[in-house]
Amino acid sequence: MDQVFMPLSTPEERLKHLESNADRIEHESYVRYFSDSELETKKEEFSSISIEISSIEEQKKKSDAEFKALLTPIKLDAKKLLLELRTKGEPVTGEVYVIIDHNNNEAGYYSPDGNLIRQRGLYPKERQVTLMSVNRSGNLTGTND
C-alpha cells in the first residue's frame, strides 16, 4: 500500500475518496507525525518549558533549605520533649550519692535531692563493712553507747 493515499490531490478530495472507498470506518487512537516545522516548534516549546522547570526547582530547593533551617531546631526540641515524656523525667549528669546497706546487701544511688535513683546488689568488694556503714546501721560498739 502507498504511504500517502492519493498524494497529488487536495486534503478535501483525499478525505472524500477515503470515505467513499473505505470498507468500514473505525474510531481509534493513532500517531500523527509532525512536519519539520511543527517538530522544530515543539522542540523550542520543550526547551522553554525545561528552563522554566529548572528555575522553579531551584527556587523550591532554596525555600526547602529555608524551611528546613526553621524546622530543624523545632524538631530537635520535639524529639527531646518526647524522650522526656516517655521516660517521665529528664536526663541529668551530676553527682549521685551511693549508700550501702549491708543488712540487705544493696547499694542505693541517691540524687542531691535525696531521691532514690536506682538500687543494686552489692559488688564483692563492697561487702566489707566500713566504719561509716556501721554508724548508719545503728550497731554502735563504742565505749560510750
N, C-alpha and C. Protein backbone atom coordinates (compact mmCIF):
# COMPACT_ATOMS: atom_id res chain seq x y z
N MET A 1 0.83 -1.17 0.00
CA MET A 1 0.00 0.00 0.00
C MET A 1 0.88 1.24 0.00
N ASP A 2 0.36 2.30 -0.53
CA ASP A 2 1.10 3.57 -0.60
C ASP A 2 1.15 4.22 0.79
N GLN A 3 2.25 4.94 1.03
CA GLN A 3 2.40 5.65 2.29
C GLN A 3 1.35 6.76 2.43
N VAL A 4 1.04 7.45 1.30
CA VAL A 4 0.04 8.51 1.31
C VAL A 4 -1.01 8.16 0.26
N PHE A 5 -2.26 8.16 0.68
CA PHE A 5 -3.37 7.86 -0.23
C PHE A 5 -3.61 9.07 -1.11
N MET A 6 -3.55 8.90 -2.40
CA MET A 6 -3.74 9.95 -3.41
C MET A 6 -2.90 11.19 -3.06
N PRO A 7 -1.57 11.10 -3.16
CA PRO A 7 -0.69 12.19 -2.73
C PRO A 7 -0.85 13.49 -3.52
N LEU A 8 -1.32 13.46 -4.73
CA LEU A 8 -1.41 14.66 -5.56
C LEU A 8 -2.73 15.41 -5.39
N SER A 9 -3.69 14.86 -4.71
CA SER A 9 -4.99 15.52 -4.56
C SER A 9 -4.98 16.43 -3.33
N THR A 10 -5.98 17.30 -3.22
CA THR A 10 -6.10 18.20 -2.07
C THR A 10 -6.59 17.41 -0.86
N PRO A 11 -6.39 17.94 0.33
CA PRO A 11 -6.84 17.23 1.52
C PRO A 11 -8.35 16.95 1.52
N GLU A 12 -9.14 17.87 0.98
CA GLU A 12 -10.60 17.67 0.95
C GLU A 12 -10.97 16.52 0.01
N GLU A 13 -10.34 16.49 -1.18
CA GLU A 13 -10.61 15.41 -2.14
C GLU A 13 -10.16 14.06 -1.58
N ARG A 14 -9.00 14.06 -0.91
CA ARG A 14 -8.47 12.83 -0.34
C ARG A 14 -9.44 12.27 0.70
N LEU A 15 -9.99 13.13 1.56
CA LEU A 15 -10.94 12.70 2.59
C LEU A 15 -12.21 12.15 1.95
N LYS A 16 -12.69 12.81 0.89
CA LYS A 16 -13.90 12.37 0.20
C LYS A 16 -13.69 10.98 -0.40
N HIS A 17 -12.54 10.74 -1.02
CA HIS A 17 -12.24 9.44 -1.61
C HIS A 17 -12.05 8.37 -0.54
N LEU A 18 -11.42 8.75 0.56
CA LEU A 18 -11.25 7.78 1.65
C LEU A 18 -12.61 7.33 2.19
N GLU A 19 -13.52 8.29 2.40
CA GLU A 19 -14.83 7.95 2.94
C GLU A 19 -15.62 7.07 1.97
N SER A 20 -15.51 7.36 0.67
CA SER A 20 -16.30 6.60 -0.30
C SER A 20 -15.69 5.23 -0.60
N ASN A 21 -14.36 5.07 -0.46
CA ASN A 21 -13.71 3.81 -0.81
C ASN A 21 -13.44 2.89 0.39
N ALA A 22 -13.62 3.38 1.60
CA ALA A 22 -13.32 2.57 2.79
C ALA A 22 -14.36 1.47 2.96
N ASP A 23 -13.91 0.30 3.36
CA ASP A 23 -14.82 -0.82 3.63
C ASP A 23 -15.61 -0.55 4.91
N ARG A 24 -14.97 0.07 5.87
CA ARG A 24 -15.66 0.50 7.10
C ARG A 24 -14.82 1.61 7.74
N ILE A 25 -15.42 2.34 8.65
CA ILE A 25 -14.74 3.42 9.37
C ILE A 25 -14.75 3.05 10.85
N GLU A 26 -13.58 3.05 11.46
CA GLU A 26 -13.43 2.72 12.88
C GLU A 26 -12.88 3.93 13.62
N HIS A 27 -13.18 3.98 14.92
CA HIS A 27 -12.66 5.06 15.77
C HIS A 27 -11.54 4.49 16.64
N GLU A 28 -10.31 5.01 16.49
CA GLU A 28 -9.18 4.54 17.29
C GLU A 28 -8.12 5.63 17.40
N SER A 29 -7.19 5.43 18.32
CA SER A 29 -6.08 6.38 18.51
C SER A 29 -4.91 5.98 17.64
N TYR A 30 -4.20 6.99 17.15
CA TYR A 30 -3.02 6.74 16.33
C TYR A 30 -2.08 7.93 16.45
N VAL A 31 -0.87 7.81 15.93
CA VAL A 31 0.12 8.88 15.98
C VAL A 31 0.09 9.64 14.67
N ARG A 32 -0.11 10.95 14.79
CA ARG A 32 0.01 11.82 13.61
C ARG A 32 1.40 12.42 13.68
N TYR A 33 2.24 12.14 12.71
CA TYR A 33 3.61 12.61 12.71
C TYR A 33 3.68 14.09 12.33
N PHE A 34 4.59 14.83 12.98
CA PHE A 34 4.74 16.25 12.74
C PHE A 34 5.56 16.53 11.50
N SER A 35 5.28 17.68 10.91
CA SER A 35 6.13 18.15 9.82
C SER A 35 7.41 18.70 10.45
N ASP A 36 8.41 19.02 9.64
CA ASP A 36 9.67 19.52 10.18
C ASP A 36 9.48 20.83 10.94
N SER A 37 8.64 21.71 10.43
CA SER A 37 8.42 22.99 11.11
C SER A 37 7.66 22.78 12.42
N GLU A 38 6.69 21.88 12.44
CA GLU A 38 5.97 21.57 13.68
C GLU A 38 6.91 20.96 14.71
N LEU A 39 7.79 20.09 14.25
CA LEU A 39 8.75 19.44 15.13
C LEU A 39 9.71 20.47 15.74
N GLU A 40 10.16 21.41 14.95
CA GLU A 40 11.04 22.47 15.43
C GLU A 40 10.33 23.34 16.47
N THR A 41 9.06 23.64 16.24
CA THR A 41 8.26 24.43 17.18
C THR A 41 8.12 23.68 18.50
N LYS A 42 7.87 22.39 18.43
CA LYS A 42 7.73 21.58 19.65
C LYS A 42 9.05 21.54 20.42
N LYS A 43 10.18 21.46 19.74
CA LYS A 43 11.48 21.46 20.40
C LYS A 43 11.73 22.77 21.13
N GLU A 44 11.38 23.90 20.48
CA GLU A 44 11.54 25.20 21.12
C GLU A 44 10.64 25.31 22.35
N GLU A 45 9.43 24.82 22.24
CA GLU A 45 8.48 24.82 23.35
C GLU A 45 9.02 24.00 24.52
N PHE A 46 9.55 22.82 24.20
CA PHE A 46 10.11 21.95 25.23
C PHE A 46 11.30 22.61 25.92
N SER A 47 12.16 23.26 25.15
CA SER A 47 13.32 23.94 25.71
C SER A 47 12.89 25.06 26.66
N SER A 48 11.90 25.81 26.27
CA SER A 48 11.39 26.90 27.10
C SER A 48 10.80 26.37 28.40
N ILE A 49 10.03 25.31 28.31
CA ILE A 49 9.41 24.72 29.49
C ILE A 49 10.48 24.11 30.40
N SER A 50 11.49 23.49 29.84
CA SER A 50 12.58 22.90 30.64
C SER A 50 13.32 23.96 31.43
N ILE A 51 13.56 25.10 30.82
CA ILE A 51 14.23 26.20 31.52
C ILE A 51 13.35 26.69 32.67
N GLU A 52 12.06 26.82 32.43
CA GLU A 52 11.13 27.26 33.46
C GLU A 52 11.07 26.26 34.62
N ILE A 53 11.04 24.98 34.30
CA ILE A 53 11.04 23.94 35.33
C ILE A 53 12.30 24.03 36.18
N SER A 54 13.44 24.19 35.52
CA SER A 54 14.72 24.28 36.23
C SER A 54 14.72 25.48 37.18
N SER A 55 14.22 26.59 36.73
CA SER A 55 14.16 27.80 37.55
C SER A 55 13.27 27.58 38.77
N ILE A 56 12.12 26.98 38.57
CA ILE A 56 11.19 26.73 39.67
C ILE A 56 11.78 25.73 40.66
N GLU A 57 12.47 24.70 40.16
CA GLU A 57 13.09 23.71 41.05
C GLU A 57 14.20 24.34 41.88
N GLU A 58 14.95 25.30 41.31
CA GLU A 58 15.98 26.00 42.09
C GLU A 58 15.34 26.81 43.22
N GLN A 59 14.23 27.49 42.89
CA GLN A 59 13.51 28.26 43.92
C GLN A 59 12.99 27.33 45.00
N LYS A 60 12.52 26.16 44.60
CA LYS A 60 11.99 25.19 45.55
C LYS A 60 13.10 24.70 46.48
N LYS A 61 14.29 24.43 45.93
CA LYS A 61 15.41 23.98 46.75
C LYS A 61 15.79 25.04 47.78
N LYS A 62 15.80 26.32 47.35
CA LYS A 62 16.13 27.39 48.27
C LYS A 62 15.09 27.49 49.38
N SER A 63 13.83 27.42 49.01
CA SER A 63 12.78 27.53 50.03
C SER A 63 12.78 26.29 50.93
N ASP A 64 13.06 25.11 50.36
CA ASP A 64 13.15 23.90 51.18
C ASP A 64 14.27 24.04 52.21
N ALA A 65 15.40 24.61 51.79
CA ALA A 65 16.52 24.80 52.71
C ALA A 65 16.14 25.79 53.81
N GLU A 66 15.42 26.85 53.44
CA GLU A 66 14.98 27.82 54.45
C GLU A 66 14.01 27.18 55.44
N PHE A 67 13.06 26.41 54.93
CA PHE A 67 12.09 25.75 55.81
C PHE A 67 12.79 24.71 56.69
N LYS A 68 13.76 24.01 56.12
CA LYS A 68 14.49 23.02 56.91
C LYS A 68 15.25 23.70 58.04
N ALA A 69 15.85 24.86 57.74
CA ALA A 69 16.57 25.60 58.77
C ALA A 69 15.62 26.04 59.89
N LEU A 70 14.40 26.39 59.54
CA LEU A 70 13.41 26.78 60.54
C LEU A 70 12.90 25.57 61.32
N LEU A 71 12.75 24.46 60.62
CA LEU A 71 12.11 23.28 61.20
C LEU A 71 13.06 22.44 62.05
N THR A 72 14.34 22.40 61.72
CA THR A 72 15.29 21.52 62.40
C THR A 72 15.36 21.76 63.91
N PRO A 73 15.53 23.01 64.37
CA PRO A 73 15.59 23.18 65.84
C PRO A 73 14.28 22.83 66.53
N ILE A 74 13.17 23.08 65.87
CA ILE A 74 11.88 22.74 66.45
C ILE A 74 11.73 21.23 66.56
N LYS A 75 12.17 20.51 65.53
CA LYS A 75 12.10 19.04 65.56
C LYS A 75 12.99 18.48 66.66
N LEU A 76 14.18 19.07 66.85
CA LEU A 76 15.08 18.62 67.91
C LEU A 76 14.44 18.82 69.28
N ASP A 77 13.79 19.98 69.47
CA ASP A 77 13.08 20.23 70.74
C ASP A 77 11.96 19.22 70.95
N ALA A 78 11.22 18.94 69.88
CA ALA A 78 10.12 17.98 69.98
C ALA A 78 10.65 16.59 70.32
N LYS A 79 11.78 16.21 69.72
CA LYS A 79 12.37 14.89 69.99
C LYS A 79 12.81 14.80 71.45
N LYS A 80 13.41 15.88 71.96
CA LYS A 80 13.86 15.91 73.35
C LYS A 80 12.66 15.80 74.30
N LEU A 81 11.61 16.56 74.00
CA LEU A 81 10.42 16.53 74.85
C LEU A 81 9.73 15.17 74.81
N LEU A 82 9.72 14.54 73.64
CA LEU A 82 9.11 13.21 73.52
C LEU A 82 9.87 12.21 74.38
N LEU A 83 11.20 12.27 74.34
CA LEU A 83 12.01 11.39 75.18
C LEU A 83 11.72 11.63 76.66
N GLU A 84 11.60 12.90 77.05
CA GLU A 84 11.31 13.22 78.44
C GLU A 84 9.92 12.72 78.84
N LEU A 85 8.96 12.81 77.90
CA LEU A 85 7.61 12.31 78.20
C LEU A 85 7.60 10.79 78.33
N ARG A 86 8.36 10.11 77.48
CA ARG A 86 8.43 8.65 77.55
C ARG A 86 9.05 8.18 78.86
N THR A 87 10.13 8.85 79.27
CA THR A 87 10.83 8.44 80.48
C THR A 87 10.25 9.09 81.73
N LYS A 88 9.35 10.03 81.53
CA LYS A 88 8.70 10.77 82.62
C LYS A 88 9.73 11.51 83.46
N GLY A 89 10.78 11.99 82.83
CA GLY A 89 11.83 12.74 83.50
C GLY A 89 12.81 13.27 82.48
N GLU A 90 13.86 13.92 82.98
CA GLU A 90 14.87 14.45 82.08
C GLU A 90 16.24 13.88 82.45
N PRO A 91 17.11 13.68 81.49
CA PRO A 91 18.44 13.18 81.80
C PRO A 91 19.26 14.27 82.51
N VAL A 92 19.93 13.88 83.57
CA VAL A 92 20.75 14.80 84.36
C VAL A 92 22.11 14.16 84.56
N THR A 93 23.15 14.95 84.40
CA THR A 93 24.51 14.49 84.67
C THR A 93 25.02 15.28 85.88
N GLY A 94 25.42 14.57 86.91
CA GLY A 94 25.90 15.24 88.11
C GLY A 94 26.28 14.22 89.17
N GLU A 95 26.52 14.71 90.33
CA GLU A 95 26.93 13.84 91.43
C GLU A 95 25.73 13.05 91.96
N VAL A 96 25.98 11.77 92.25
CA VAL A 96 25.00 10.93 92.92
C VAL A 96 25.68 10.35 94.15
N TYR A 97 24.87 10.03 95.14
CA TYR A 97 25.41 9.57 96.41
C TYR A 97 25.05 8.10 96.59
N VAL A 98 26.08 7.25 96.75
CA VAL A 98 25.89 5.81 96.91
C VAL A 98 25.86 5.49 98.40
N ILE A 99 24.76 4.89 98.83
CA ILE A 99 24.61 4.48 100.23
C ILE A 99 24.54 2.96 100.23
N ILE A 100 25.44 2.33 100.96
CA ILE A 100 25.49 0.87 101.02
C ILE A 100 24.73 0.39 102.24
N ASP A 101 23.83 -0.55 102.01
CA ASP A 101 23.04 -1.16 103.09
C ASP A 101 23.52 -2.60 103.25
N HIS A 102 24.38 -2.84 104.27
CA HIS A 102 24.94 -4.18 104.46
C HIS A 102 23.91 -5.16 104.97
N ASN A 103 22.89 -4.69 105.65
CA ASN A 103 21.86 -5.60 106.16
C ASN A 103 21.09 -6.27 105.03
N ASN A 104 20.83 -5.51 103.95
CA ASN A 104 20.08 -6.06 102.80
C ASN A 104 20.98 -6.37 101.62
N ASN A 105 22.29 -6.17 101.76
CA ASN A 105 23.26 -6.38 100.67
C ASN A 105 22.86 -5.60 99.42
N GLU A 106 22.55 -4.33 99.58
CA GLU A 106 22.16 -3.47 98.46
C GLU A 106 22.91 -2.16 98.52
N ALA A 107 23.04 -1.54 97.33
CA ALA A 107 23.60 -0.20 97.24
C ALA A 107 22.53 0.68 96.61
N GLY A 108 22.26 1.82 97.23
CA GLY A 108 21.28 2.76 96.70
C GLY A 108 21.97 4.00 96.18
N TYR A 109 21.51 4.49 95.02
CA TYR A 109 22.05 5.70 94.41
C TYR A 109 21.02 6.80 94.60
N TYR A 110 21.45 7.90 95.24
CA TYR A 110 20.54 8.99 95.55
C TYR A 110 20.98 10.27 94.85
N SER A 111 19.99 11.05 94.41
CA SER A 111 20.27 12.36 93.81
C SER A 111 20.55 13.35 94.92
N PRO A 112 21.08 14.54 94.60
CA PRO A 112 21.29 15.56 95.64
C PRO A 112 19.99 15.95 96.35
N ASP A 113 18.85 15.71 95.71
CA ASP A 113 17.55 15.99 96.33
C ASP A 113 17.17 14.93 97.35
N GLY A 114 17.90 13.82 97.38
CA GLY A 114 17.59 12.74 98.30
C GLY A 114 16.68 11.68 97.72
N ASN A 115 16.40 11.75 96.43
CA ASN A 115 15.54 10.75 95.78
C ASN A 115 16.35 9.55 95.32
N LEU A 116 15.81 8.35 95.58
CA LEU A 116 16.47 7.13 95.13
C LEU A 116 16.40 7.06 93.62
N ILE A 117 17.55 6.98 92.97
CA ILE A 117 17.61 6.90 91.51
C ILE A 117 17.53 5.44 91.07
N ARG A 118 18.36 4.62 91.72
CA ARG A 118 18.35 3.19 91.42
C ARG A 118 19.00 2.45 92.57
N GLN A 119 18.82 1.15 92.59
CA GLN A 119 19.49 0.33 93.59
C GLN A 119 19.94 -0.96 92.93
N ARG A 120 20.95 -1.57 93.55
CA ARG A 120 21.51 -2.80 93.01
C ARG A 120 22.08 -3.62 94.16
N GLY A 121 22.41 -4.84 93.84
CA GLY A 121 23.08 -5.69 94.82
C GLY A 121 24.52 -5.23 95.00
N LEU A 122 25.10 -5.59 96.13
CA LEU A 122 26.48 -5.19 96.40
C LEU A 122 27.47 -5.98 95.56
N TYR A 123 28.53 -5.32 95.15
CA TYR A 123 29.63 -5.99 94.50
C TYR A 123 30.46 -6.65 95.60
N PRO A 124 31.22 -7.69 95.26
CA PRO A 124 32.01 -8.37 96.29
C PRO A 124 32.93 -7.44 97.07
N LYS A 125 33.56 -6.50 96.42
CA LYS A 125 34.48 -5.61 97.13
C LYS A 125 33.75 -4.63 98.05
N GLU A 126 32.44 -4.45 97.85
CA GLU A 126 31.67 -3.55 98.70
C GLU A 126 31.11 -4.24 99.95
N ARG A 127 31.25 -5.54 100.03
CA ARG A 127 30.66 -6.27 101.15
C ARG A 127 31.45 -6.13 102.44
N GLN A 128 32.63 -5.58 102.35
CA GLN A 128 33.44 -5.37 103.55
C GLN A 128 32.85 -4.19 104.32
N VAL A 129 32.61 -4.36 105.58
CA VAL A 129 31.98 -3.35 106.43
C VAL A 129 32.97 -2.24 106.72
N THR A 130 32.50 -0.98 106.61
CA THR A 130 33.33 0.17 106.94
C THR A 130 32.78 0.85 108.19
N LEU A 131 33.54 1.72 108.75
CA LEU A 131 33.12 2.44 109.94
C LEU A 131 31.86 3.25 109.67
N MET A 132 31.76 3.86 108.49
CA MET A 132 30.58 4.65 108.12
C MET A 132 29.33 3.78 108.07
N SER A 133 29.45 2.59 107.50
CA SER A 133 28.28 1.73 107.39
C SER A 133 27.84 1.21 108.74
N VAL A 134 28.76 1.01 109.64
CA VAL A 134 28.42 0.55 110.99
C VAL A 134 27.63 1.64 111.70
N ASN A 135 28.07 2.90 111.58
CA ASN A 135 27.37 4.02 112.21
C ASN A 135 25.95 4.17 111.67
N ARG A 136 25.76 3.96 110.38
CA ARG A 136 24.43 4.09 109.78
C ARG A 136 23.50 2.97 110.20
N SER A 137 24.05 1.80 110.39
CA SER A 137 23.20 0.66 110.71
C SER A 137 22.69 0.69 112.14
N GLY A 138 23.30 1.50 112.98
CA GLY A 138 22.84 1.59 114.36
C GLY A 138 23.50 0.57 115.27
N ASN A 139 24.42 -0.21 114.76
CA ASN A 139 25.12 -1.20 115.58
C ASN A 139 26.39 -0.58 116.15
N LEU A 140 26.23 0.39 116.97
CA LEU A 140 27.37 1.07 117.55
C LEU A 140 28.03 0.18 118.61
N THR A 141 29.33 0.06 118.54
CA THR A 141 30.05 -0.80 119.50
C THR A 141 31.14 -0.04 120.22
N GLY A 142 30.97 1.25 120.33
CA GLY A 142 31.98 2.05 121.05
C GLY A 142 31.80 1.94 122.54
N THR A 143 32.64 2.57 123.28
CA THR A 143 32.57 2.51 124.73
C THR A 143 31.51 3.42 125.32
N ASN A 144 31.09 4.44 124.55
CA ASN A 144 30.09 5.38 125.04
C ASN A 144 28.75 5.15 124.36
N ASP A 145 28.25 3.97 124.25
CA ASP A 145 26.99 3.69 123.54
C ASP A 145 25.84 4.22 124.32
